[in-house]
């Protein structure tokens, strides 16, 4: 009976750890920045049964992306590669990070061009048009187009979806008037 109790405890401990890892819990540490993140991956031949953490580099920008965004822009959005980043004087200060735009070739496509941040909303903002959450929205283009927290697998209604940590970072670091270039 005692052995069964230990097994149950071990199974419950495993489920708690697996559940918190799946939910993205980082043990009270602040969220990682996009420049690099630690991802636990099992290594072959590991005797301890623990996963080792390795550094995963951010997505790389190709020469086309780098040349398509002018140095004067504070935020850049590459619609074809689904990447966005912040920069200062042409030097990347955050990202690039994955994003999900509106579907190309539709009425909901994310507009291309040069825009400026108009206004920002907080963590609990709800779209009045679609009645959907837009946490940490940073509005930059006509028609209510914004960077905001959202799905990275479901196309937006024209906005630029970011993971919630990146959305908050954009919200905190893009002031009104900042130039946004979407290409």
N, C-alpha and C. Protein backbone atom coordinates (compact mmCIF):
# COMPACT_ATOMS: atom_id res chain seq x y z
N UNK A 1 0.82 -1.21 0.00
CA UNK A 1 0.00 0.00 0.00
C UNK A 1 0.86 1.26 0.00
N UNK A 2 1.98 1.22 0.75
CA UNK A 2 2.83 2.40 0.80
C UNK A 2 3.43 2.70 -0.57
N UNK A 3 3.80 1.67 -1.34
CA UNK A 3 4.35 1.88 -2.68
C UNK A 3 3.33 2.55 -3.59
N UNK A 4 2.07 2.15 -3.50
CA UNK A 4 1.01 2.76 -4.30
C UNK A 4 0.85 4.23 -3.97
N UNK A 5 1.02 4.60 -2.68
CA UNK A 5 0.93 6.00 -2.27
C UNK A 5 2.03 6.84 -2.89
N UNK A 6 3.24 6.28 -2.94
CA UNK A 6 4.36 6.99 -3.56
C UNK A 6 4.12 7.17 -5.06
N UNK A 7 3.58 6.14 -5.72
CA UNK A 7 3.29 6.24 -7.14
C UNK A 7 2.25 7.33 -7.41
N UNK A 8 1.20 7.33 -6.58
CA UNK A 8 0.16 8.35 -6.74
C UNK A 8 0.75 9.75 -6.55
N UNK A 9 1.61 9.90 -5.53
CA UNK A 9 2.25 11.19 -5.29
C UNK A 9 3.12 11.59 -6.48
N UNK A 10 3.86 10.64 -7.02
CA UNK A 10 4.73 10.93 -8.17
C UNK A 10 3.90 11.32 -9.39
N UNK A 11 2.79 10.62 -9.62
CA UNK A 11 1.92 10.93 -10.76
C UNK A 11 1.32 12.32 -10.58
N UNK A 12 0.84 12.63 -9.38
CA UNK A 12 0.26 13.95 -9.13
C UNK A 12 1.31 15.05 -9.30
N UNK A 13 2.52 14.81 -8.81
CA UNK A 13 3.59 15.80 -8.97
C UNK A 13 3.89 16.03 -10.44
N UNK A 14 3.95 14.94 -11.21
CA UNK A 14 4.21 15.06 -12.64
C UNK A 14 3.10 15.88 -13.31
N UNK A 15 1.84 15.61 -12.98
CA UNK A 15 0.73 16.34 -13.59
C UNK A 15 0.76 17.82 -13.24
N UNK A 16 1.12 18.15 -12.00
CA UNK A 16 1.20 19.56 -11.60
C UNK A 16 2.31 20.26 -12.39
N UNK A 17 3.48 19.64 -12.48
CA UNK A 17 4.59 20.24 -13.21
C UNK A 17 4.24 20.36 -14.69
N UNK A 18 3.69 19.31 -15.29
CA UNK A 18 3.34 19.34 -16.71
C UNK A 18 2.28 20.41 -16.97
N UNK A 19 1.31 20.53 -16.11
CA UNK A 19 0.25 21.53 -16.28
C UNK A 19 0.78 22.95 -16.17
N UNK A 20 1.66 23.20 -15.20
CA UNK A 20 2.19 24.55 -15.07
C UNK A 20 3.14 24.89 -16.20
N UNK A 21 3.89 23.92 -16.69
CA UNK A 21 4.78 24.18 -17.83
C UNK A 21 3.95 24.46 -19.08
N UNK A 22 2.89 23.69 -19.29
CA UNK A 22 2.04 23.90 -20.47
C UNK A 22 1.37 25.27 -20.41
N UNK A 23 1.08 25.75 -19.22
CA UNK A 23 0.43 27.05 -19.07
C UNK A 23 1.43 28.20 -19.17
N UNK A 24 2.73 27.87 -19.24
CA UNK A 24 3.73 28.91 -19.41
C UNK A 24 4.28 29.49 -18.13
N UNK A 25 4.05 28.83 -16.98
CA UNK A 25 4.53 29.34 -15.71
C UNK A 25 6.05 29.31 -15.69
N UNK A 26 6.65 30.34 -15.23
CA UNK A 26 8.11 30.45 -15.21
C UNK A 26 8.65 30.50 -13.78
N UNK A 27 7.91 30.00 -12.82
CA UNK A 27 8.42 29.94 -11.46
C UNK A 27 8.62 31.30 -10.82
N UNK A 28 7.82 32.27 -11.16
CA UNK A 28 7.92 33.59 -10.57
C UNK A 28 8.93 34.49 -11.24
N UNK A 29 9.60 34.02 -12.28
CA UNK A 29 10.57 34.85 -12.99
C UNK A 29 9.84 35.75 -13.97
N UNK A 30 10.39 36.93 -14.24
CA UNK A 30 9.74 37.80 -15.23
C UNK A 30 9.76 37.14 -16.60
N UNK A 31 8.83 37.52 -17.47
CA UNK A 31 8.80 36.91 -18.80
C UNK A 31 10.09 37.21 -19.55
N UNK A 32 10.49 36.24 -20.36
CA UNK A 32 11.70 36.40 -21.16
C UNK A 32 11.45 37.44 -22.25
N UNK A 33 12.50 38.13 -22.65
CA UNK A 33 12.40 39.05 -23.78
C UNK A 33 12.54 38.25 -25.05
N UNK A 34 12.11 38.81 -26.15
CA UNK A 34 12.09 38.09 -27.41
C UNK A 34 13.48 37.81 -27.96
N UNK A 35 14.50 38.52 -27.51
CA UNK A 35 15.82 38.33 -28.08
C UNK A 35 16.33 36.90 -27.88
N UNK A 36 15.90 36.24 -26.83
CA UNK A 36 16.33 34.88 -26.56
C UNK A 36 15.41 34.30 -25.50
N UNK A 37 15.15 33.04 -25.58
CA UNK A 37 14.34 32.41 -24.55
C UNK A 37 14.88 31.03 -24.27
N UNK A 38 14.65 30.55 -23.04
CA UNK A 38 15.13 29.23 -22.65
C UNK A 38 13.98 28.26 -22.82
N UNK A 39 14.28 27.15 -23.50
CA UNK A 39 13.28 26.13 -23.74
C UNK A 39 13.82 24.81 -23.24
N UNK A 40 13.13 24.14 -22.27
CA UNK A 40 13.64 22.86 -21.80
C UNK A 40 13.44 21.78 -22.86
N UNK A 41 14.52 21.11 -23.19
CA UNK A 41 14.47 20.02 -24.14
C UNK A 41 15.24 18.84 -23.57
N UNK A 42 14.72 17.62 -23.68
CA UNK A 42 15.46 16.47 -23.17
C UNK A 42 16.68 16.20 -24.06
N UNK A 43 17.78 15.87 -23.43
CA UNK A 43 18.99 15.53 -24.15
C UNK A 43 19.19 14.02 -24.13
N UNK A 44 19.68 13.48 -25.22
CA UNK A 44 19.90 12.03 -25.31
C UNK A 44 20.89 11.59 -24.25
N UNK A 45 20.59 10.46 -23.61
CA UNK A 45 21.50 9.88 -22.63
C UNK A 45 21.50 10.58 -21.30
N UNK A 46 20.57 11.42 -21.02
CA UNK A 46 20.52 12.12 -19.75
C UNK A 46 20.10 11.15 -18.66
N UNK A 47 20.90 11.01 -17.63
CA UNK A 47 20.62 10.04 -16.58
C UNK A 47 19.67 10.60 -15.53
N UNK A 48 19.61 11.89 -15.35
CA UNK A 48 18.83 12.47 -14.26
C UNK A 48 17.35 12.48 -14.54
N UNK A 49 16.94 12.38 -15.79
CA UNK A 49 15.52 12.46 -16.11
C UNK A 49 15.04 13.90 -16.19
N UNK A 50 15.91 14.88 -15.94
CA UNK A 50 15.55 16.28 -16.04
C UNK A 50 15.83 16.79 -17.44
N UNK A 51 15.10 17.78 -17.84
CA UNK A 51 15.32 18.40 -19.14
C UNK A 51 16.35 19.51 -18.99
N UNK A 52 17.23 19.63 -19.95
CA UNK A 52 18.21 20.70 -19.95
C UNK A 52 17.63 21.89 -20.70
N UNK A 53 18.00 23.10 -20.28
CA UNK A 53 17.53 24.30 -20.97
C UNK A 53 18.59 24.73 -21.97
N UNK A 54 18.15 25.03 -23.18
CA UNK A 54 19.06 25.52 -24.20
C UNK A 54 18.55 26.85 -24.72
N UNK A 55 19.44 27.65 -25.24
CA UNK A 55 19.03 28.94 -25.78
C UNK A 55 18.47 28.75 -27.19
N UNK A 56 17.31 29.35 -27.44
CA UNK A 56 16.70 29.32 -28.77
C UNK A 56 16.80 30.73 -29.33
N UNK A 57 17.50 30.88 -30.45
CA UNK A 57 17.66 32.24 -30.99
C UNK A 57 16.35 32.77 -31.54
N UNK A 58 16.21 34.09 -31.59
CA UNK A 58 14.99 34.67 -32.16
C UNK A 58 14.95 34.39 -33.66
N UNK A 59 13.79 34.53 -34.28
CA UNK A 59 13.72 34.35 -35.73
C UNK A 59 14.69 35.34 -36.41
N UNK A 60 15.31 34.89 -37.48
CA UNK A 60 16.28 35.73 -38.19
C UNK A 60 15.58 36.59 -39.24
N UNK A 61 16.10 37.79 -39.42
CA UNK A 61 15.61 38.69 -40.46
C UNK A 61 16.49 38.54 -41.69
N UNK A 62 15.86 38.42 -42.82
CA UNK A 62 16.60 38.37 -44.07
C UNK A 62 16.95 39.76 -44.54
N UNK A 63 17.79 39.85 -45.57
CA UNK A 63 18.20 41.16 -46.10
C UNK A 63 17.01 41.97 -46.63
N UNK A 64 16.01 41.30 -47.20
CA UNK A 64 14.83 42.01 -47.71
C UNK A 64 14.12 42.72 -46.58
N UNK A 65 13.93 42.03 -45.46
CA UNK A 65 13.24 42.64 -44.32
C UNK A 65 14.03 43.81 -43.77
N UNK A 66 15.33 43.64 -43.60
CA UNK A 66 16.16 44.71 -43.06
C UNK A 66 16.12 45.95 -43.96
N UNK A 67 16.15 45.75 -45.28
CA UNK A 67 16.17 46.90 -46.18
C UNK A 67 14.79 47.51 -46.39
N UNK A 68 13.73 46.79 -46.03
CA UNK A 68 12.36 47.29 -46.24
C UNK A 68 11.88 48.21 -45.14
N UNK A 69 12.58 48.23 -44.03
CA UNK A 69 12.14 49.05 -42.91
C UNK A 69 13.16 50.17 -42.68
N UNK A 70 12.77 51.43 -42.89
CA UNK A 70 13.72 52.53 -42.74
C UNK A 70 14.18 52.72 -41.30
N UNK A 71 15.37 53.27 -41.14
CA UNK A 71 15.94 53.49 -39.81
C UNK A 71 15.07 54.40 -38.95
N UNK A 72 14.28 55.28 -39.57
CA UNK A 72 13.43 56.21 -38.82
C UNK A 72 12.25 55.52 -38.15
N UNK A 73 11.90 54.32 -38.59
CA UNK A 73 10.75 53.61 -38.02
C UNK A 73 11.06 53.10 -36.61
N UNK A 74 10.07 53.19 -35.74
CA UNK A 74 10.20 52.63 -34.39
C UNK A 74 9.74 51.19 -34.34
N UNK A 75 8.78 50.83 -35.21
CA UNK A 75 8.26 49.47 -35.28
C UNK A 75 8.18 49.05 -36.74
N UNK A 76 8.52 47.80 -37.00
CA UNK A 76 8.49 47.26 -38.35
C UNK A 76 7.63 46.00 -38.35
N UNK A 77 6.87 45.81 -39.44
CA UNK A 77 6.00 44.64 -39.57
C UNK A 77 6.25 44.03 -40.94
N UNK A 78 6.75 42.80 -40.96
CA UNK A 78 7.00 42.07 -42.19
C UNK A 78 5.84 41.09 -42.39
N UNK A 79 4.90 41.45 -43.27
CA UNK A 79 3.70 40.63 -43.47
C UNK A 79 4.01 39.28 -44.10
N UNK A 80 5.00 39.22 -44.97
CA UNK A 80 5.27 37.94 -45.65
C UNK A 80 5.93 36.92 -44.73
N UNK A 81 6.80 37.37 -43.83
CA UNK A 81 7.46 36.44 -42.91
C UNK A 81 6.80 36.36 -41.54
N UNK A 82 5.71 37.12 -41.33
CA UNK A 82 4.97 37.13 -40.05
C UNK A 82 5.89 37.45 -38.88
N UNK A 83 6.69 38.52 -39.05
CA UNK A 83 7.60 38.97 -38.00
C UNK A 83 7.41 40.46 -37.78
N UNK A 84 7.69 40.89 -36.57
CA UNK A 84 7.68 42.30 -36.23
C UNK A 84 8.78 42.56 -35.21
N UNK A 85 9.28 43.80 -35.18
CA UNK A 85 10.33 44.15 -34.24
C UNK A 85 10.28 45.64 -33.96
N UNK A 86 10.92 46.02 -32.87
CA UNK A 86 11.09 47.43 -32.53
C UNK A 86 12.55 47.81 -32.79
N UNK A 87 12.75 49.05 -33.15
CA UNK A 87 14.11 49.49 -33.43
C UNK A 87 14.27 50.96 -33.06
N UNK A 88 15.53 51.37 -32.95
CA UNK A 88 15.88 52.76 -32.70
C UNK A 88 17.09 53.08 -33.57
N UNK A 89 16.94 54.05 -34.46
CA UNK A 89 18.03 54.40 -35.37
C UNK A 89 18.45 53.24 -36.26
N UNK A 90 17.51 52.36 -36.59
CA UNK A 90 17.82 51.22 -37.44
C UNK A 90 18.40 50.03 -36.69
N UNK A 91 18.65 50.16 -35.38
CA UNK A 91 19.17 49.05 -34.57
C UNK A 91 18.01 48.37 -33.85
N UNK A 92 17.89 47.07 -33.98
CA UNK A 92 16.80 46.33 -33.35
C UNK A 92 16.95 46.37 -31.83
N UNK A 93 15.87 46.78 -31.16
CA UNK A 93 15.86 46.86 -29.70
C UNK A 93 14.97 45.79 -29.07
N UNK A 94 14.08 45.18 -29.87
CA UNK A 94 13.21 44.12 -29.36
C UNK A 94 12.77 43.26 -30.53
N UNK A 95 12.96 41.97 -30.41
CA UNK A 95 12.52 41.05 -31.44
C UNK A 95 13.63 40.67 -32.38
N UNK A 96 13.29 40.17 -33.55
CA UNK A 96 11.93 40.05 -34.09
C UNK A 96 11.13 38.98 -33.35
N UNK A 97 9.82 39.19 -33.33
CA UNK A 97 8.90 38.24 -32.72
C UNK A 97 7.85 37.82 -33.75
N UNK A 98 7.31 36.62 -33.59
CA UNK A 98 6.24 36.18 -34.49
C UNK A 98 4.99 37.01 -34.30
N UNK A 99 4.22 37.16 -35.38
CA UNK A 99 2.95 37.89 -35.31
C UNK A 99 2.00 37.26 -36.32
N UNK A 100 0.73 37.57 -36.18
CA UNK A 100 -0.30 37.08 -37.11
C UNK A 100 -1.11 38.27 -37.60
N UNK A 101 -1.03 38.56 -38.90
CA UNK A 101 -1.77 39.70 -39.47
C UNK A 101 -3.15 39.28 -39.96
N UNK A 102 -3.84 40.21 -40.58
CA UNK A 102 -5.09 39.90 -41.26
C UNK A 102 -4.77 39.14 -42.54
N UNK A 103 -5.73 38.36 -43.04
CA UNK A 103 -5.46 37.54 -44.24
C UNK A 103 -5.23 38.41 -45.48
N UNK A 104 -4.12 38.14 -46.22
CA UNK A 104 -3.83 38.95 -47.41
C UNK A 104 -4.89 38.74 -48.49
N UNK A 105 -5.09 39.77 -49.29
CA UNK A 105 -6.03 39.67 -50.41
C UNK A 105 -7.49 39.71 -50.01
N UNK A 106 -7.77 40.06 -48.75
CA UNK A 106 -9.15 40.13 -48.28
C UNK A 106 -9.42 41.54 -47.76
N UNK A 107 -10.66 41.79 -47.44
CA UNK A 107 -11.04 43.08 -46.87
C UNK A 107 -10.43 43.26 -45.47
N UNK A 108 -10.05 42.16 -44.84
CA UNK A 108 -9.47 42.20 -43.49
C UNK A 108 -7.94 42.19 -43.51
N UNK A 109 -7.32 42.38 -44.66
CA UNK A 109 -5.85 42.37 -44.75
C UNK A 109 -5.27 43.52 -43.93
N UNK A 110 -4.14 43.26 -43.31
CA UNK A 110 -3.42 44.32 -42.60
C UNK A 110 -2.87 45.29 -43.64
N UNK A 111 -3.14 46.59 -43.47
CA UNK A 111 -2.70 47.56 -44.49
C UNK A 111 -1.18 47.74 -44.49
N UNK A 112 -0.63 47.94 -45.67
CA UNK A 112 0.79 48.23 -45.83
C UNK A 112 0.98 49.74 -45.88
N UNK A 113 2.12 50.20 -45.41
CA UNK A 113 2.42 51.62 -45.49
C UNK A 113 3.16 52.12 -44.27
N UNK A 114 3.28 53.42 -44.19
CA UNK A 114 3.92 54.07 -43.05
C UNK A 114 2.84 54.77 -42.24
N UNK A 115 2.80 54.48 -40.95
CA UNK A 115 1.76 54.98 -40.06
C UNK A 115 2.42 55.54 -38.80
N UNK A 116 1.61 56.10 -37.92
CA UNK A 116 2.10 56.60 -36.64
C UNK A 116 1.15 56.17 -35.54
N UNK A 117 1.72 55.82 -34.38
CA UNK A 117 0.91 55.42 -33.24
C UNK A 117 -0.03 56.56 -32.89
N UNK A 118 -1.34 56.24 -32.82
CA UNK A 118 -2.36 57.23 -32.54
C UNK A 118 -2.74 57.25 -31.06
N UNK A 119 -3.01 56.06 -30.52
CA UNK A 119 -3.38 55.98 -29.11
C UNK A 119 -3.21 54.55 -28.64
N UNK A 120 -3.27 54.36 -27.31
CA UNK A 120 -3.07 53.03 -26.72
C UNK A 120 -4.18 52.73 -25.73
N UNK A 121 -4.49 51.45 -25.61
CA UNK A 121 -5.50 50.98 -24.65
C UNK A 121 -4.83 50.01 -23.68
N UNK A 122 -5.48 49.76 -22.58
CA UNK A 122 -4.89 48.91 -21.54
C UNK A 122 -5.12 47.42 -21.74
N UNK A 123 -4.83 46.69 -20.68
CA UNK A 123 -4.87 45.23 -20.70
C UNK A 123 -6.27 44.67 -20.93
N UNK A 124 -7.31 45.42 -20.57
CA UNK A 124 -8.67 44.88 -20.63
C UNK A 124 -9.52 45.49 -21.74
N UNK A 125 -8.90 46.05 -22.75
CA UNK A 125 -9.65 46.69 -23.83
C UNK A 125 -10.39 45.65 -24.67
N UNK A 126 -11.65 45.95 -25.02
CA UNK A 126 -12.49 45.09 -25.86
C UNK A 126 -12.87 45.85 -27.12
N UNK A 127 -12.71 45.22 -28.28
CA UNK A 127 -13.08 45.84 -29.54
C UNK A 127 -14.58 46.09 -29.56
N UNK A 128 -14.97 47.33 -29.87
CA UNK A 128 -16.39 47.64 -29.96
C UNK A 128 -16.99 47.09 -31.26
N UNK A 129 -16.16 46.91 -32.28
CA UNK A 129 -16.63 46.40 -33.56
C UNK A 129 -16.80 44.88 -33.57
N UNK A 130 -15.85 44.16 -32.98
CA UNK A 130 -15.89 42.69 -33.03
C UNK A 130 -16.20 42.05 -31.69
N UNK A 131 -16.32 42.87 -30.62
CA UNK A 131 -16.60 42.39 -29.27
C UNK A 131 -15.60 41.31 -28.86
N UNK A 132 -14.33 41.55 -29.16
CA UNK A 132 -13.25 40.62 -28.80
C UNK A 132 -12.17 41.37 -28.05
N UNK A 133 -11.48 40.68 -27.14
CA UNK A 133 -10.41 41.33 -26.38
C UNK A 133 -9.26 41.77 -27.29
N UNK A 134 -8.70 42.93 -26.97
CA UNK A 134 -7.52 43.47 -27.66
C UNK A 134 -6.56 43.96 -26.57
N UNK A 135 -5.99 43.03 -25.77
CA UNK A 135 -5.14 43.48 -24.67
C UNK A 135 -3.91 44.22 -25.16
N UNK A 136 -3.60 45.30 -24.46
CA UNK A 136 -2.43 46.14 -24.73
C UNK A 136 -2.41 46.66 -26.17
N UNK A 137 -3.55 47.09 -26.67
CA UNK A 137 -3.65 47.58 -28.04
C UNK A 137 -2.88 48.89 -28.23
N UNK A 138 -2.13 48.94 -29.34
CA UNK A 138 -1.41 50.14 -29.76
C UNK A 138 -1.92 50.45 -31.16
N UNK A 139 -2.83 51.43 -31.25
CA UNK A 139 -3.50 51.76 -32.52
C UNK A 139 -2.59 52.62 -33.39
N UNK A 140 -2.41 52.20 -34.65
CA UNK A 140 -1.49 52.93 -35.51
C UNK A 140 -2.00 53.20 -36.92
N UNK A 141 -3.09 52.57 -37.36
CA UNK A 141 -3.56 52.78 -38.73
C UNK A 141 -5.06 53.02 -38.72
N UNK A 142 -5.57 53.69 -39.76
CA UNK A 142 -7.01 53.95 -39.84
C UNK A 142 -7.82 52.65 -39.77
N UNK A 143 -9.03 52.77 -39.26
CA UNK A 143 -9.92 51.61 -39.16
C UNK A 143 -9.70 50.80 -37.90
N UNK A 144 -8.98 51.33 -36.94
CA UNK A 144 -8.77 50.62 -35.67
C UNK A 144 -7.71 49.54 -35.74
N UNK A 145 -6.77 49.66 -36.66
CA UNK A 145 -5.70 48.66 -36.78
C UNK A 145 -4.67 48.90 -35.68
N UNK A 146 -4.31 47.82 -34.98
CA UNK A 146 -3.42 47.94 -33.82
C UNK A 146 -2.55 46.71 -33.66
N UNK A 147 -1.46 46.88 -32.94
CA UNK A 147 -0.73 45.75 -32.36
C UNK A 147 -1.54 45.38 -31.12
N UNK A 148 -1.75 44.11 -30.84
CA UNK A 148 -2.37 43.72 -29.57
C UNK A 148 -2.19 42.23 -29.34
N UNK A 149 -2.41 41.82 -28.12
CA UNK A 149 -2.33 40.40 -27.79
C UNK A 149 -3.43 39.65 -28.51
N UNK A 150 -3.07 38.51 -29.10
CA UNK A 150 -4.05 37.71 -29.84
C UNK A 150 -3.44 36.41 -30.33
N UNK A 151 -4.21 35.66 -31.05
CA UNK A 151 -3.79 34.36 -31.54
C UNK A 151 -2.68 34.49 -32.57
N UNK A 152 -1.69 33.62 -32.47
CA UNK A 152 -0.62 33.58 -33.46
C UNK A 152 -0.90 32.51 -34.52
N UNK A 153 -2.09 31.94 -34.49
CA UNK A 153 -2.47 30.93 -35.49
C UNK A 153 -3.74 31.29 -36.23
N UNK A 154 -4.52 32.22 -35.70
CA UNK A 154 -5.77 32.64 -36.34
C UNK A 154 -5.59 34.05 -36.88
N UNK A 155 -5.84 34.28 -38.17
CA UNK A 155 -5.69 35.63 -38.73
C UNK A 155 -6.54 36.66 -37.99
N UNK A 156 -6.02 37.87 -37.93
CA UNK A 156 -6.73 38.96 -37.26
C UNK A 156 -7.76 39.57 -38.20
N UNK A 157 -8.43 40.60 -37.71
CA UNK A 157 -9.37 41.36 -38.54
C UNK A 157 -8.66 42.56 -39.16
N UNK A 158 -7.35 42.44 -39.35
CA UNK A 158 -6.55 43.53 -39.91
C UNK A 158 -5.47 44.01 -38.97
N UNK A 159 -5.58 43.65 -37.71
CA UNK A 159 -4.59 44.05 -36.72
C UNK A 159 -3.35 43.17 -36.82
N UNK A 160 -2.40 43.42 -35.93
CA UNK A 160 -1.19 42.61 -35.82
C UNK A 160 -1.25 41.92 -34.46
N UNK A 161 -1.56 40.61 -34.47
CA UNK A 161 -1.60 39.83 -33.24
C UNK A 161 -0.19 39.54 -32.76
N UNK A 162 0.03 39.69 -31.46
CA UNK A 162 1.29 39.37 -30.80
C UNK A 162 1.01 38.46 -29.61
N UNK A 163 2.02 37.72 -29.14
CA UNK A 163 1.82 37.01 -27.88
C UNK A 163 1.66 38.09 -26.81
N UNK A 164 1.08 37.75 -25.69
CA UNK A 164 0.70 38.75 -24.70
C UNK A 164 1.91 39.50 -24.13
N UNK A 165 3.03 38.82 -23.94
CA UNK A 165 4.23 39.48 -23.43
C UNK A 165 4.75 40.53 -24.41
N UNK A 166 4.77 40.19 -25.69
CA UNK A 166 5.23 41.14 -26.70
C UNK A 166 4.25 42.30 -26.84
N UNK A 167 2.96 42.00 -26.76
CA UNK A 167 1.95 43.07 -26.85
C UNK A 167 2.15 44.08 -25.72
N UNK A 168 2.39 43.59 -24.54
CA UNK A 168 2.62 44.49 -23.40
C UNK A 168 3.90 45.29 -23.61
N UNK A 169 4.94 44.66 -24.14
CA UNK A 169 6.20 45.35 -24.38
C UNK A 169 6.00 46.46 -25.42
N UNK A 170 5.30 46.15 -26.51
CA UNK A 170 5.02 47.17 -27.53
C UNK A 170 4.22 48.32 -26.90
N UNK A 171 3.22 47.98 -26.11
CA UNK A 171 2.39 48.98 -25.44
C UNK A 171 3.24 49.90 -24.57
N UNK A 172 4.17 49.32 -23.85
CA UNK A 172 5.00 50.10 -22.92
C UNK A 172 6.12 50.88 -23.60
N UNK A 173 6.51 50.49 -24.82
CA UNK A 173 7.68 51.10 -25.45
C UNK A 173 7.41 51.86 -26.75
N UNK A 174 6.18 51.87 -27.23
CA UNK A 174 5.85 52.64 -28.44
C UNK A 174 5.01 53.85 -28.02
N UNK A 175 5.59 55.03 -28.03
CA UNK A 175 4.82 56.22 -27.64
C UNK A 175 3.93 56.70 -28.77
N UNK A 176 2.95 57.52 -28.42
CA UNK A 176 2.11 58.17 -29.45
C UNK A 176 3.03 58.93 -30.40
N UNK A 177 2.74 58.79 -31.69
CA UNK A 177 3.53 59.45 -32.72
C UNK A 177 4.64 58.60 -33.29
N UNK A 178 4.99 57.47 -32.64
CA UNK A 178 6.06 56.60 -33.14
C UNK A 178 5.72 56.08 -34.52
N UNK A 179 6.70 56.02 -35.39
CA UNK A 179 6.49 55.56 -36.77
C UNK A 179 6.44 54.03 -36.83
N UNK A 180 5.45 53.52 -37.55
CA UNK A 180 5.26 52.08 -37.76
C UNK A 180 5.26 51.85 -39.27
N UNK A 181 6.12 50.96 -39.75
CA UNK A 181 6.19 50.64 -41.16
C UNK A 181 5.75 49.20 -41.36
N UNK A 182 4.72 49.02 -42.20
CA UNK A 182 4.19 47.70 -42.50
C UNK A 182 4.48 47.41 -43.97
N UNK A 183 5.17 46.31 -44.25
CA UNK A 183 5.53 45.98 -45.63
C UNK A 183 5.29 44.51 -45.92
